[in-house]
Amino acid sequence: MAANEYQVTGMTCGHCEMSIREEVSEISGVEDIQVSAQTGKLVVTASGDIDDAKVLAAVEEAGYSAVRV
């Protein structure tokens, strides 16, 4: 189990959280997604290694930007 934390810019509400959760959940191996518009934190837990590039691409696809913490 691996968990990676990201700082997301541009999230303001629950709808933002849902958009990100939807995109990130499509990455294979992802088991859990914790995302908070209040703190801008995104924590992705996966069964194997997490490909940062895929997570960052998914966040961008949702319309936000993120960096690995």
PDB file of N, CA and C in Angstrom:
ATOM      1  N   MET A   1       0.839  -1.210   0.000  1.00  0.00           N
ATOM      2  CA  MET A   1       0.000   0.000   0.000  1.00  0.00           C
ATOM      3  C   MET A   1       0.868   1.251   0.000  1.00  0.00           C
ATOM      4  N   ALA A   2       0.615   2.117  -0.917  1.00  0.00           N
ATOM      5  CA  ALA A   2       1.355   3.378  -0.974  1.00  0.00           C
ATOM      6  C   ALA A   2       0.371   4.531  -0.897  1.00  0.00           C
ATOM      7  N   ALA A   3       0.771   5.599  -0.223  1.00  0.00           N
ATOM      8  CA  ALA A   3      -0.067   6.792  -0.169  1.00  0.00           C
ATOM      9  C   ALA A   3       0.780   8.000  -0.544  1.00  0.00           C
ATOM     10  N   ASN A   4       0.322   8.754  -1.508  1.00  0.00           N
ATOM     11  CA  ASN A   4       1.027   9.962  -1.936  1.00  0.00           C
ATOM     12  C   ASN A   4       0.158  11.170  -1.655  1.00  0.00           C
ATOM     13  N   GLU A   5       0.805  12.244  -1.246  1.00  0.00           N
ATOM     14  CA  GLU A   5       0.061  13.465  -0.940  1.00  0.00           C
ATOM     15  C   GLU A   5       0.401  14.548  -1.954  1.00  0.00           C
ATOM     16  N   TYR A   6      -0.631  15.276  -2.360  1.00  0.00           N
ATOM     17  CA  TYR A   6      -0.475  16.347  -3.345  1.00  0.00           C
ATOM     18  C   TYR A   6      -1.130  17.615  -2.828  1.00  0.00           C
ATOM     19  N   GLN A   7      -0.640  18.742  -3.296  1.00  0.00           N
ATOM     20  CA  GLN A   7      -1.259  20.032  -2.980  1.00  0.00           C
ATOM     21  C   GLN A   7      -1.919  20.510  -4.267  1.00  0.00           C
ATOM     22  N   VAL A   8      -3.235  20.716  -4.199  1.00  0.00           N
ATOM     23  CA  VAL A   8      -4.003  21.099  -5.381  1.00  0.00           C
ATOM     24  C   VAL A   8      -4.356  22.582  -5.311  1.00  0.00           C
ATOM     25  N   THR A   9      -4.208  23.259  -6.430  1.00  0.00           N
ATOM     26  CA  THR A   9      -4.544  24.675  -6.513  1.00  0.00           C
ATOM     27  C   THR A   9      -5.840  24.841  -7.293  1.00  0.00           C
ATOM     28  N   GLY A  10      -6.733  25.680  -6.785  1.00  0.00           N
ATOM     29  CA  GLY A  10      -7.938  26.014  -7.536  1.00  0.00           C
ATOM     30  C   GLY A  10      -9.224  25.371  -7.042  1.00  0.00           C
ATOM     31  N   MET A  11      -9.128  24.471  -6.079  1.00  0.00           N
ATOM     32  CA  MET A  11     -10.349  23.857  -5.540  1.00  0.00           C
ATOM     33  C   MET A  11     -11.047  24.825  -4.601  1.00  0.00           C
ATOM     34  N   THR A  12     -12.361  24.955  -4.754  1.00  0.00           N
ATOM     35  CA  THR A  12     -13.093  25.866  -3.874  1.00  0.00           C
ATOM     36  C   THR A  12     -14.290  25.222  -3.185  1.00  0.00           C
ATOM     37  N   CYS A  13     -14.752  24.071  -3.692  1.00  0.00           N
ATOM     38  CA  CYS A  13     -16.001  23.526  -3.138  1.00  0.00           C
ATOM     39  C   CYS A  13     -16.077  22.006  -3.284  1.00  0.00           C
ATOM     40  N   GLY A  14     -17.166  21.466  -2.829  1.00  0.00           N
ATOM     41  CA  GLY A  14     -17.400  20.025  -2.902  1.00  0.00           C
ATOM     42  C   GLY A  14     -17.455  19.522  -4.333  1.00  0.00           C
ATOM     43  N   HIS A  15     -17.948  20.361  -5.240  1.00  0.00           N
ATOM     44  CA  HIS A  15     -18.015  19.961  -6.647  1.00  0.00           C
ATOM     45  C   HIS A  15     -16.605  19.769  -7.201  1.00  0.00           C
ATOM     46  N   CYS A  16     -15.697  20.659  -6.786  1.00  0.00           N
ATOM     47  CA  CYS A  16     -14.287  20.539  -7.186  1.00  0.00           C
ATOM     48  C   CYS A  16     -13.725  19.199  -6.717  1.00  0.00           C
ATOM     49  N   GLU A  17     -14.008  18.866  -5.468  1.00  0.00           N
ATOM     50  CA  GLU A  17     -13.529  17.608  -4.888  1.00  0.00           C
ATOM     51  C   GLU A  17     -14.038  16.423  -5.703  1.00  0.00           C
ATOM     52  N   MET A  18     -15.328  16.472  -6.076  1.00  0.00           N
ATOM     53  CA  MET A  18     -15.920  15.383  -6.838  1.00  0.00           C
ATOM     54  C   MET A  18     -15.272  15.232  -8.206  1.00  0.00           C
ATOM     55  N   SER A  19     -14.999  16.348  -8.876  1.00  0.00           N
ATOM     56  CA  SER A  19     -14.371  16.302 -10.197  1.00  0.00           C
ATOM     57  C   SER A  19     -13.020  15.598 -10.112  1.00  0.00           C
ATOM     58  N   ILE A  20     -12.238  15.972  -9.106  1.00  0.00           N
ATOM     59  CA  ILE A  20     -10.912  15.383  -8.934  1.00  0.00           C
ATOM     60  C   ILE A  20     -11.030  13.902  -8.571  1.00  0.00           C
ATOM     61  N   ARG A  21     -11.950  13.602  -7.658  1.00  0.00           N
ATOM     62  CA  ARG A  21     -12.133  12.207  -7.239  1.00  0.00           C
ATOM     63  C   ARG A  21     -12.490  11.333  -8.445  1.00  0.00           C
ATOM     64  N   GLU A  22     -13.375  11.844  -9.306  1.00  0.00           N
ATOM     65  CA  GLU A  22     -13.800  11.103 -10.494  1.00  0.00           C
ATOM     66  C   GLU A  22     -12.624  10.781 -11.413  1.00  0.00           C
ATOM     67  N   GLU A  23     -11.807  11.798 -11.698  1.00  0.00           N
ATOM     68  CA  GLU A  23     -10.674  11.606 -12.617  1.00  0.00           C
ATOM     69  C   GLU A  23      -9.617  10.671 -12.020  1.00  0.00           C
ATOM     70  N   VAL A  24      -9.281  10.906 -10.751  1.00  0.00           N
ATOM     71  CA  VAL A  24      -8.222  10.113 -10.114  1.00  0.00           C
ATOM     72  C   VAL A  24      -8.654   8.660  -9.926  1.00  0.00           C
ATOM     73  N   SER A  25      -9.946   8.437  -9.699  1.00  0.00           N
ATOM     74  CA  SER A  25     -10.432   7.070  -9.464  1.00  0.00           C
ATOM     75  C   SER A  25     -10.286   6.197 -10.704  1.00  0.00           C
ATOM     76  N   GLU A  26     -10.086   6.813 -11.872  1.00  0.00           N
ATOM     77  CA  GLU A  26      -9.929   6.035 -13.106  1.00  0.00           C
ATOM     78  C   GLU A  26      -8.524   5.441 -13.246  1.00  0.00           C
ATOM     79  N   ILE A  27      -7.594   5.873 -12.394  1.00  0.00           N
ATOM     80  CA  ILE A  27      -6.231   5.327 -12.447  1.00  0.00           C
ATOM     81  C   ILE A  27      -6.250   3.934 -11.826  1.00  0.00           C
ATOM     82  N   SER A  28      -5.689   2.966 -12.546  1.00  0.00           N
ATOM     83  CA  SER A  28      -5.737   1.593 -12.046  1.00  0.00           C
ATOM     84  C   SER A  28      -4.908   1.449 -10.769  1.00  0.00           C
ATOM     85  N   GLY A  29      -5.438   0.673  -9.831  1.00  0.00           N
ATOM     86  CA  GLY A  29      -4.736   0.417  -8.576  1.00  0.00           C
ATOM     87  C   GLY A  29      -5.100   1.357  -7.450  1.00  0.00           C
ATOM     88  N   VAL A  30      -5.796   2.456  -7.778  1.00  0.00           N
ATOM     89  CA  VAL A  30      -6.163   3.422  -6.738  1.00  0.00           C
ATOM     90  C   VAL A  30      -7.237   2.819  -5.840  1.00  0.00           C
ATOM     91  N   GLU A  31      -6.983   2.838  -4.530  1.00  0.00           N
ATOM     92  CA  GLU A  31      -7.907   2.240  -3.570  1.00  0.00           C
ATOM     93  C   GLU A  31      -8.704   3.289  -2.812  1.00  0.00           C
ATOM     94  N   ASP A  32      -8.052   4.407  -2.511  1.00  0.00           N
ATOM     95  CA  ASP A  32      -8.716   5.420  -1.697  1.00  0.00           C
ATOM     96  C   ASP A  32      -8.255   6.810  -2.116  1.00  0.00           C
ATOM     97  N   ILE A  33      -9.206   7.746  -2.115  1.00  0.00           N
ATOM     98  CA  ILE A  33      -8.898   9.129  -2.480  1.00  0.00           C
ATOM     99  C   ILE A  33      -9.475  10.032  -1.407  1.00  0.00           C
ATOM    100  N   GLN A  34      -8.606  10.825  -0.785  1.00  0.00           N
ATOM    101  CA  GLN A  34      -9.079  11.820   0.177  1.00  0.00           C
ATOM    102  C   GLN A  34      -8.726  13.175  -0.401  1.00  0.00           C
ATOM    103  N   VAL A  35      -9.756  13.997  -0.573  1.00  0.00           N
ATOM    104  CA  VAL A  35      -9.507  15.306  -1.167  1.00  0.00           C
ATOM    105  C   VAL A  35     -10.287  16.359  -0.387  1.00  0.00           C
ATOM    106  N   SER A  36      -9.633  17.483  -0.093  1.00  0.00           N
ATOM    107  CA  SER A  36     -10.267  18.543   0.673  1.00  0.00           C
ATOM    108  C   SER A  36     -10.079  19.886  -0.007  1.00  0.00           C
ATOM    109  N   ALA A  37     -11.196  20.516  -0.369  1.00  0.00           N
ATOM    110  CA  ALA A  37     -11.127  21.841  -0.989  1.00  0.00           C
ATOM    111  C   ALA A  37     -10.624  22.862   0.027  1.00  0.00           C
ATOM    112  N   GLN A  38     -10.926  22.621   1.292  1.00  0.00           N
ATOM    113  CA  GLN A  38     -10.548  23.553   2.352  1.00  0.00           C
ATOM    114  C   GLN A  38      -9.034  23.657   2.500  1.00  0.00           C
ATOM    115  N   THR A  39      -8.358  22.504   2.498  1.00  0.00           N
ATOM    116  CA  THR A  39      -6.910  22.502   2.693  1.00  0.00           C
ATOM    117  C   THR A  39      -6.145  22.410   1.373  1.00  0.00           C
ATOM    118  N   GLY A  40      -6.840  21.993   0.305  1.00  0.00           N
ATOM    119  CA  GLY A  40      -6.179  21.806  -0.975  1.00  0.00           C
ATOM    120  C   GLY A  40      -5.393  20.509  -1.037  1.00  0.00           C
ATOM    121  N   LYS A  41      -5.619  19.643  -0.039  1.00  0.00           N
ATOM    122  CA  LYS A  41      -4.867  18.394   0.006  1.00  0.00           C
ATOM    123  C   LYS A  41      -5.573  17.270  -0.730  1.00  0.00           C
ATOM    124  N   LEU A  42      -4.763  16.482  -1.421  1.00  0.00           N
ATOM    125  CA  LEU A  42      -5.249  15.280  -2.094  1.00  0.00           C
ATOM    126  C   LEU A  42      -4.330  14.149  -1.664  1.00  0.00           C
ATOM    127  N   VAL A  43      -4.910  13.110  -1.064  1.00  0.00           N
ATOM    128  CA  VAL A  43      -4.123  11.950  -0.671  1.00  0.00           C
ATOM    129  C   VAL A  43      -4.653  10.747  -1.446  1.00  0.00           C
ATOM    130  N   VAL A  44      -3.766  10.144  -2.228  1.00  0.00           N
ATOM    131  CA  VAL A  44      -4.155   9.003  -3.048  1.00  0.00           C
ATOM    132  C   VAL A  44      -3.486   7.755  -2.494  1.00  0.00           C
ATOM    133  N   THR A  45      -4.297   6.741  -2.181  1.00  0.00           N
ATOM    134  CA  THR A  45      -3.780   5.481  -1.682  1.00  0.00           C
ATOM    135  C   THR A  45      -3.990   4.419  -2.756  1.00  0.00           C
ATOM    136  N   ALA A  46      -2.950   3.648  -3.025  1.00  0.00           N
ATOM    137  CA  ALA A  46      -3.056   2.626  -4.061  1.00  0.00           C
ATOM    138  C   ALA A  46      -2.446   1.310  -3.585  1.00  0.00           C
ATOM    139  N   SER A  47      -2.833   0.233  -4.264  1.00  0.00           N
ATOM    140  CA  SER A  47      -2.347  -1.093  -3.894  1.00  0.00           C
ATOM    141  C   SER A  47      -0.877  -1.258  -4.240  1.00  0.00           C
ATOM    142  N   GLY A  48      -0.438  -0.573  -5.303  1.00  0.00           N
ATOM    143  CA  GLY A  48       0.968  -0.666  -5.696  1.00  0.00           C
ATOM    144  C   GLY A  48       1.580   0.715  -5.719  1.00  0.00           C
ATOM    145  N   ASP A  49       2.620   0.866  -6.538  1.00  0.00           N
ATOM    146  CA  ASP A  49       3.251   2.174  -6.688  1.00  0.00           C
ATOM    147  C   ASP A  49       2.292   3.130  -7.392  1.00  0.00           C
ATOM    148  N   ILE A  50       2.358   4.387  -7.014  1.00  0.00           N
ATOM    149  CA  ILE A  50       1.508   5.393  -7.625  1.00  0.00           C
ATOM    150  C   ILE A  50       2.327   6.183  -8.631  1.00  0.00           C
ATOM    151  N   ASP A  51       1.806   6.284  -9.833  1.00  0.00           N
ATOM    152  CA  ASP A  51       2.469   7.054 -10.874  1.00  0.00           C
ATOM    153  C   ASP A  51       2.062   8.516 -10.725  1.00  0.00           C
ATOM    154  N   ASP A  52       2.982   9.328 -10.183  1.00  0.00           N
ATOM    155  CA  ASP A  52       2.704  10.751  -9.962  1.00  0.00           C
ATOM    156  C   ASP A  52       2.181  11.431 -11.222  1.00  0.00           C
ATOM    157  N   ALA A  53       2.805  11.114 -12.346  1.00  0.00           N
ATOM    158  CA  ALA A  53       2.427  11.761 -13.610  1.00  0.00           C
ATOM    159  C   ALA A  53       0.960  11.514 -13.933  1.00  0.00           C
ATOM    160  N   LYS A  54       0.479  10.307 -13.646  1.00  0.00           N
ATOM    161  CA  LYS A  54      -0.926   9.969 -13.922  1.00  0.00           C
ATOM    162  C   LYS A  54      -1.856  10.755 -13.005  1.00  0.00           C
ATOM    163  N   VAL A  55      -1.478  10.865 -11.737  1.00  0.00           N
ATOM    164  CA  VAL A  55      -2.300  11.604 -10.776  1.00  0.00           C
ATOM    165  C   VAL A  55      -2.347  13.080 -11.163  1.00  0.00           C
ATOM    166  N   LEU A  56      -1.188  13.649 -11.470  1.00  0.00           N
ATOM    167  CA  LEU A  56      -1.130  15.064 -11.844  1.00  0.00           C
ATOM    168  C   LEU A  56      -1.918  15.314 -13.137  1.00  0.00           C
ATOM    169  N   ALA A  57      -1.834  14.373 -14.070  1.00  0.00           N
ATOM    170  CA  ALA A  57      -2.579  14.499 -15.329  1.00  0.00           C
ATOM    171  C   ALA A  57      -4.082  14.435 -15.066  1.00  0.00           C
ATOM    172  N   ALA A  58      -4.496  13.559 -14.143  1.00  0.00           N
ATOM    173  CA  ALA A  58      -5.913  13.419 -13.801  1.00  0.00           C
ATOM    174  C   ALA A  58      -6.434  14.704 -13.161  1.00  0.00           C
ATOM    175  N   VAL A  59      -5.625  15.305 -12.287  1.00  0.00           N
ATOM    176  CA  VAL A  59      -6.010  16.553 -11.630  1.00  0.00           C
ATOM    177  C   VAL A  59      -6.142  17.663 -12.681  1.00  0.00           C
ATOM    178  N   GLU A  60      -5.210  17.686 -13.628  1.00  0.00           N
ATOM    179  CA  GLU A  60      -5.267  18.691 -14.700  1.00  0.00           C
ATOM    180  C   GLU A  60      -6.478  18.479 -15.584  1.00  0.00           C
ATOM    181  N   GLU A  61      -6.800  17.211 -15.825  1.00  0.00           N
ATOM    182  CA  GLU A  61      -7.976  16.854 -16.627  1.00  0.00           C
ATOM    183  C   GLU A  61      -9.244  17.407 -15.966  1.00  0.00           C
ATOM    184  N   ALA A  62      -9.242  17.414 -14.631  1.00  0.00           N
ATOM    185  CA  ALA A  62     -10.394  17.928 -13.880  1.00  0.00           C
ATOM    186  C   ALA A  62     -10.404  19.460 -13.861  1.00  0.00           C
ATOM    187  N   GLY A  63      -9.308  20.070 -14.323  1.00  0.00           N
ATOM    188  CA  GLY A  63      -9.264  21.516 -14.428  1.00  0.00           C
ATOM    189  C   GLY A  63      -8.490  22.223 -13.320  1.00  0.00           C
ATOM    190  N   TYR A  64      -7.628  21.486 -12.622  1.00  0.00           N
ATOM    191  CA  TYR A  64      -6.860  22.058 -11.518  1.00  0.00           C
ATOM    192  C   TYR A  64      -5.391  21.730 -11.705  1.00  0.00           C
ATOM    193  N   SER A  65      -4.547  22.311 -10.884  1.00  0.00           N
ATOM    194  CA  SER A  65      -3.131  21.951 -10.943  1.00  0.00           C
ATOM    195  C   SER A  65      -2.707  21.426  -9.585  1.00  0.00           C
ATOM    196  N   ALA A  66      -1.710  20.544  -9.586  1.00  0.00           N
ATOM    197  CA  ALA A  66      -1.269  19.932  -8.346  1.00  0.00           C
ATOM    198  C   ALA A  66       0.228  19.717  -8.355  1.00  0.00           C
ATOM    199  N   VAL A  67       0.800  19.648  -7.166  1.00  0.00           N
ATOM    200  CA  VAL A  67       2.204  19.280  -7.010  1.00  0.00           C
ATOM    201  C   VAL A  67       2.307  18.221  -5.936  1.00  0.00           C
ATOM    202  N   ARG A  68       3.282  17.336  -6.083  1.00  0.00           N
ATOM    203  CA  ARG A  68       3.512  16.299  -5.088  1.00  0.00           C
ATOM    204  C   ARG A  68       4.080  16.971  -3.844  1.00  0.00           C
ATOM    205  N   VAL A  69       3.594  16.597  -2.675  1.00  0.00           N
ATOM    206  CA  VAL A  69       4.088  17.181  -1.425  1.00  0.00           C
ATOM    207  C   VAL A  69       5.198  16.335  -0.876  1.00  0.00           C
TER     208      VAL A  69
END
